Amino acid sequence: MKWHDVRKQYADTWVLVEALKANSIDNKRVIQDMAVISNHIDSTDAWKEYKSLHLSNPLRELYIFHTSNEEIEVIEQRFMGVGRKI
């Protein structure tokens, strides 16, 4: 599903989506095809579902967007966390 189709079908709501086809260009994630997992009136509910799904399968490429946005933009950032040697 393309973003413009998601916006039409789920107007003025939060959507939890999974990227089915995406690539990276200039530190931005470009999502060409996505599947809507769920839609929510409240962003808090969307985040709860996101966290649950991410914990069960962290390799899924999940995002939360509001359909009032004409375009979506995902900026890639390198993880700069603290590592621990055992």
Protein backbone atom coordinates (compact mmCIF):
# COMPACT_ATOMS: atom_id res chain seq x y z
CA MET A 1 0.00 0.00 0.00
CA LYS A 2 1.27 3.48 -0.81
CA TRP A 3 1.13 6.36 1.68
CA HIS A 4 -1.47 8.31 -0.30
CA ASP A 5 -3.76 5.23 -0.19
CA VAL A 6 -3.23 4.87 3.57
CA ARG A 7 -4.19 8.55 4.02
CA LYS A 8 -7.41 8.07 2.06
CA GLN A 9 -8.45 4.90 3.85
CA TYR A 10 -7.46 6.00 7.39
CA ALA A 11 -8.12 9.74 7.38
CA ASP A 12 -7.11 11.80 10.45
CA THR A 13 -5.82 8.95 12.58
CA TRP A 14 -2.61 7.35 13.84
CA VAL A 15 -1.51 4.29 11.91
CA LEU A 16 0.94 1.57 12.87
CA VAL A 17 2.51 0.33 9.66
CA GLU A 18 5.11 -2.20 8.61
CA ALA A 19 7.44 -1.35 5.75
CA LEU A 20 7.25 -4.14 3.17
CA LYS A 21 9.56 -2.53 0.63
CA ALA A 22 11.98 0.24 1.60
CA ASN A 23 15.45 1.54 0.87
CA SER A 24 17.85 4.12 2.23
CA ILE A 25 18.84 7.29 0.37
CA ASP A 26 20.93 10.07 1.95
CA ASN A 27 20.26 8.93 5.55
CA LYS A 28 16.51 8.75 4.94
CA ARG A 29 14.38 5.63 4.86
CA VAL A 30 12.15 5.67 1.79
CA ILE A 31 9.12 3.40 2.18
CA GLN A 32 7.72 2.33 -1.19
CA ASP A 33 5.21 -0.23 0.09
CA MET A 34 3.64 -0.65 3.53
CA ALA A 35 0.99 -2.65 5.32
CA VAL A 36 -1.29 -1.06 7.90
CA ILE A 37 -1.27 -3.15 11.05
CA SER A 38 -3.75 -1.00 12.98
CA ASN A 39 -5.15 2.50 13.33
CA HIS A 40 -5.68 4.48 16.53
CA ILE A 41 -7.33 7.70 17.63
CA ASP A 42 -4.76 8.12 20.42
CA SER A 43 -1.00 7.96 19.77
CA THR A 44 -0.47 6.35 23.18
CA ASP A 45 -2.41 3.27 22.09
CA ALA A 46 -0.40 3.08 18.89
CA TRP A 47 2.86 3.20 20.88
CA LYS A 48 1.68 0.45 23.24
CA GLU A 49 1.00 -1.83 20.29
CA TYR A 50 4.29 -0.84 18.64
CA LYS A 51 6.27 -1.73 21.77
CA SER A 52 4.52 -5.08 22.12
CA LEU A 53 5.16 -6.04 18.49
CA HIS A 54 8.74 -4.75 18.57
CA LEU A 55 9.54 -6.79 21.68
CA SER A 56 8.19 -9.97 20.10
CA ASN A 57 10.03 -9.40 16.80
CA PRO A 58 12.58 -6.56 16.78
CA LEU A 59 13.54 -7.17 13.13
CA ARG A 60 10.19 -5.96 11.80
CA GLU A 61 10.37 -2.47 10.32
CA LEU A 62 7.50 -0.77 12.15
CA TYR A 63 6.51 2.90 12.15
CA ILE A 64 3.78 5.12 13.55
CA PHE A 65 2.51 8.02 11.44
CA HIS A 66 -0.43 10.39 11.55
CA THR A 67 -2.38 10.51 8.31
CA SER A 68 -2.71 14.30 8.42
CA ASN A 69 0.87 14.36 7.07
CA GLU A 70 0.92 14.61 3.28
CA GLU A 71 4.40 13.10 3.16
CA ILE A 72 6.25 10.85 5.56
CA GLU A 73 9.92 11.14 6.38
CA VAL A 74 12.06 8.72 8.35
CA ILE A 75 15.54 9.97 9.20
CA GLU A 76 18.07 7.22 9.89
CA GLN A 77 20.31 7.68 12.89
CA ARG A 78 23.22 5.52 13.90
CA PHE A 79 22.90 3.96 17.33
CA MET A 80 25.52 5.50 19.61
CA GLY A 81 24.71 3.52 22.73
CA VAL A 82 27.05 2.36 25.42
CA GLY A 83 28.39 -1.15 24.96
CA ARG A 84 29.35 -3.47 27.78
CA LYS A 85 32.08 -6.08 27.60
CA ILE A 86 31.54 -9.29 29.48
